[in-house]
Amino acid sequence: MKEQVIAVLEKVRPSLQADGGDVELVEVTEEGIVAVRLKGACGSCPMSTMTLKMGIERALKEQVPGVKEVIRVD
């Protein structure tokens, strides 16, 4: 599952980088929890929660079977 998560993050990364941010994969658990770190402008943006849930989490749930939730770590 980790390889699939990485592949999806590579697809969403250009959108984040266009706004001065980025995403880093921290961990994928057996339970389907994906931990990521938002970097650059995404790390301090007030809209980062929406980016995380409506963008990254939605894409991962749609494209990677078994992903249950995406959480942000600092």
N, C-alpha and C. Protein backbone atom coordinates (compact mmCIF):
# COMPACT_ATOMS: atom_id res chain seq x y z
N MET A 1 0.82 -1.20 0.00
CA MET A 1 0.00 0.00 0.00
C MET A 1 0.87 1.26 0.00
N LYS A 2 2.02 1.21 0.63
CA LYS A 2 2.88 2.40 0.72
C LYS A 2 3.29 2.90 -0.66
N GLU A 3 3.61 1.99 -1.56
CA GLU A 3 4.01 2.39 -2.90
C GLU A 3 2.87 3.10 -3.63
N GLN A 4 1.64 2.63 -3.43
CA GLN A 4 0.48 3.26 -4.05
C GLN A 4 0.26 4.66 -3.48
N VAL A 5 0.44 4.80 -2.17
CA VAL A 5 0.29 6.11 -1.52
C VAL A 5 1.32 7.08 -2.09
N ILE A 6 2.55 6.63 -2.22
CA ILE A 6 3.61 7.48 -2.77
C ILE A 6 3.25 7.93 -4.19
N ALA A 7 2.72 7.00 -4.99
CA ALA A 7 2.36 7.33 -6.37
C ALA A 7 1.27 8.41 -6.42
N VAL A 8 0.28 8.32 -5.53
CA VAL A 8 -0.79 9.32 -5.51
C VAL A 8 -0.24 10.66 -5.02
N LEU A 9 0.61 10.64 -4.01
CA LEU A 9 1.19 11.89 -3.52
C LEU A 9 2.00 12.58 -4.62
N GLU A 10 2.66 11.80 -5.46
CA GLU A 10 3.42 12.38 -6.57
C GLU A 10 2.49 13.09 -7.56
N LYS A 11 1.25 12.60 -7.66
CA LYS A 11 0.28 13.23 -8.56
C LYS A 11 -0.25 14.55 -8.00
N VAL A 12 -0.44 14.63 -6.68
CA VAL A 12 -0.97 15.86 -6.08
C VAL A 12 0.12 16.88 -5.76
N ARG A 13 1.33 16.42 -5.68
CA ARG A 13 2.46 17.30 -5.31
C ARG A 13 2.60 18.54 -6.20
N PRO A 14 2.46 18.45 -7.53
CA PRO A 14 2.61 19.65 -8.36
C PRO A 14 1.63 20.77 -8.00
N SER A 15 0.41 20.40 -7.62
CA SER A 15 -0.56 21.42 -7.22
C SER A 15 -0.11 22.14 -5.95
N LEU A 16 0.42 21.39 -5.01
CA LEU A 16 0.90 21.99 -3.77
C LEU A 16 2.13 22.87 -4.04
N GLN A 17 3.02 22.37 -4.87
CA GLN A 17 4.24 23.12 -5.17
C GLN A 17 3.93 24.41 -5.93
N ALA A 18 2.87 24.41 -6.71
CA ALA A 18 2.50 25.62 -7.44
C ALA A 18 2.12 26.75 -6.49
N ASP A 19 1.67 26.39 -5.29
CA ASP A 19 1.31 27.38 -4.27
C ASP A 19 2.41 27.57 -3.23
N GLY A 20 3.59 27.02 -3.49
CA GLY A 20 4.72 27.20 -2.58
C GLY A 20 4.79 26.19 -1.44
N GLY A 21 4.05 25.09 -1.56
CA GLY A 21 4.05 24.09 -0.50
C GLY A 21 4.53 22.75 -1.00
N ASP A 22 4.38 21.76 -0.14
CA ASP A 22 4.76 20.39 -0.50
C ASP A 22 4.19 19.46 0.55
N VAL A 23 4.26 18.16 0.28
CA VAL A 23 3.79 17.15 1.22
C VAL A 23 4.87 16.08 1.33
N GLU A 24 5.07 15.59 2.54
CA GLU A 24 6.05 14.54 2.81
C GLU A 24 5.34 13.38 3.49
N LEU A 25 5.53 12.18 2.99
CA LEU A 25 4.95 11.00 3.62
C LEU A 25 5.77 10.65 4.85
N VAL A 26 5.09 10.49 5.98
CA VAL A 26 5.75 10.13 7.23
C VAL A 26 5.56 8.64 7.52
N GLU A 27 4.32 8.16 7.37
CA GLU A 27 4.04 6.77 7.73
C GLU A 27 2.73 6.30 7.11
N VAL A 28 2.68 5.00 6.81
CA VAL A 28 1.44 4.34 6.42
C VAL A 28 1.29 3.17 7.37
N THR A 29 0.21 3.16 8.15
CA THR A 29 0.03 2.09 9.14
C THR A 29 -0.75 0.92 8.55
N GLU A 30 -0.70 -0.20 9.23
CA GLU A 30 -1.45 -1.39 8.82
C GLU A 30 -2.95 -1.14 8.84
N GLU A 31 -3.38 -0.19 9.69
CA GLU A 31 -4.80 0.12 9.83
C GLU A 31 -5.32 1.06 8.74
N GLY A 32 -4.44 1.51 7.84
CA GLY A 32 -4.87 2.38 6.76
C GLY A 32 -4.80 3.86 7.08
N ILE A 33 -4.03 4.21 8.11
CA ILE A 33 -3.82 5.61 8.46
C ILE A 33 -2.55 6.10 7.76
N VAL A 34 -2.69 7.20 7.04
CA VAL A 34 -1.55 7.78 6.33
C VAL A 34 -1.17 9.08 7.05
N ALA A 35 0.05 9.16 7.54
CA ALA A 35 0.54 10.36 8.21
C ALA A 35 1.42 11.13 7.25
N VAL A 36 1.12 12.42 7.10
CA VAL A 36 1.90 13.28 6.21
C VAL A 36 2.32 14.55 6.93
N ARG A 37 3.35 15.17 6.41
CA ARG A 37 3.81 16.46 6.91
C ARG A 37 3.66 17.46 5.77
N LEU A 38 2.92 18.53 6.03
CA LEU A 38 2.78 19.60 5.04
C LEU A 38 3.95 20.56 5.23
N LYS A 39 4.57 20.94 4.12
CA LYS A 39 5.77 21.76 4.19
C LYS A 39 5.61 23.04 3.40
N GLY A 40 6.51 23.97 3.63
CA GLY A 40 6.48 25.24 2.91
C GLY A 40 5.24 26.03 3.24
N ALA A 41 4.66 26.66 2.24
CA ALA A 41 3.47 27.48 2.44
C ALA A 41 2.30 26.67 2.98
N CYS A 42 2.25 25.38 2.66
CA CYS A 42 1.14 24.54 3.13
C CYS A 42 1.22 24.31 4.64
N GLY A 43 2.39 24.39 5.20
CA GLY A 43 2.55 24.15 6.63
C GLY A 43 1.90 25.21 7.49
N SER A 44 1.83 26.44 6.99
CA SER A 44 1.28 27.53 7.80
C SER A 44 0.00 28.13 7.22
N CYS A 45 -0.49 27.58 6.16
CA CYS A 45 -1.68 28.12 5.50
C CYS A 45 -2.94 27.81 6.31
N PRO A 46 -3.83 28.80 6.48
CA PRO A 46 -5.07 28.54 7.21
C PRO A 46 -5.98 27.54 6.49
N MET A 47 -5.76 27.33 5.22
CA MET A 47 -6.57 26.39 4.45
C MET A 47 -5.95 24.99 4.41
N SER A 48 -4.89 24.77 5.16
CA SER A 48 -4.17 23.50 5.08
C SER A 48 -5.03 22.31 5.49
N THR A 49 -5.96 22.49 6.44
CA THR A 49 -6.83 21.39 6.83
C THR A 49 -7.73 20.98 5.66
N MET A 50 -8.23 21.96 4.93
CA MET A 50 -9.06 21.65 3.77
C MET A 50 -8.23 20.97 2.69
N THR A 51 -7.02 21.46 2.48
CA THR A 51 -6.12 20.82 1.51
C THR A 51 -5.88 19.38 1.89
N LEU A 52 -5.64 19.14 3.16
CA LEU A 52 -5.36 17.79 3.64
C LEU A 52 -6.56 16.87 3.45
N LYS A 53 -7.72 17.29 3.91
CA LYS A 53 -8.90 16.42 3.90
C LYS A 53 -9.58 16.35 2.53
N MET A 54 -9.81 17.49 1.92
CA MET A 54 -10.56 17.51 0.66
C MET A 54 -9.68 17.23 -0.55
N GLY A 55 -8.39 17.43 -0.42
CA GLY A 55 -7.49 17.18 -1.54
C GLY A 55 -6.74 15.87 -1.40
N ILE A 56 -5.81 15.84 -0.46
CA ILE A 56 -4.92 14.69 -0.32
C ILE A 56 -5.69 13.45 0.13
N GLU A 57 -6.49 13.57 1.21
CA GLU A 57 -7.21 12.41 1.73
C GLU A 57 -8.20 11.87 0.69
N ARG A 58 -8.93 12.75 0.05
CA ARG A 58 -9.91 12.30 -0.95
C ARG A 58 -9.22 11.53 -2.08
N ALA A 59 -8.11 12.07 -2.58
CA ALA A 59 -7.39 11.41 -3.67
C ALA A 59 -6.88 10.03 -3.23
N LEU A 60 -6.34 9.96 -2.02
CA LEU A 60 -5.82 8.68 -1.54
C LEU A 60 -6.93 7.66 -1.34
N LYS A 61 -8.05 8.08 -0.75
CA LYS A 61 -9.15 7.14 -0.54
C LYS A 61 -9.72 6.63 -1.86
N GLU A 62 -9.77 7.49 -2.86
CA GLU A 62 -10.30 7.10 -4.17
C GLU A 62 -9.37 6.14 -4.90
N GLN A 63 -8.06 6.32 -4.74
CA GLN A 63 -7.11 5.60 -5.58
C GLN A 63 -6.35 4.48 -4.88
N VAL A 64 -6.41 4.44 -3.54
CA VAL A 64 -5.66 3.40 -2.82
C VAL A 64 -6.61 2.65 -1.89
N PRO A 65 -6.94 1.41 -2.25
CA PRO A 65 -7.81 0.62 -1.38
C PRO A 65 -7.16 0.43 0.00
N GLY A 66 -7.94 0.60 1.04
CA GLY A 66 -7.43 0.39 2.38
C GLY A 66 -7.08 1.65 3.13
N VAL A 67 -6.98 2.79 2.44
CA VAL A 67 -6.71 4.06 3.14
C VAL A 67 -7.99 4.50 3.84
N LYS A 68 -7.89 4.68 5.15
CA LYS A 68 -9.07 5.07 5.94
C LYS A 68 -9.04 6.55 6.32
N GLU A 69 -7.84 7.08 6.58
CA GLU A 69 -7.74 8.47 7.03
C GLU A 69 -6.33 8.99 6.75
N VAL A 70 -6.26 10.30 6.54
CA VAL A 70 -4.97 10.97 6.40
C VAL A 70 -4.86 11.95 7.54
N ILE A 71 -3.76 11.87 8.28
CA ILE A 71 -3.54 12.78 9.39
C ILE A 71 -2.28 13.59 9.15
N ARG A 72 -2.27 14.76 9.78
CA ARG A 72 -1.12 15.67 9.65
C ARG A 72 -0.26 15.56 10.91
N VAL A 73 1.03 15.44 10.71
CA VAL A 73 1.98 15.49 11.82
C VAL A 73 2.94 16.65 11.59
N ASP A 74 3.45 17.20 12.66
CA ASP A 74 4.40 18.31 12.54
C ASP A 74 5.80 17.87 12.87
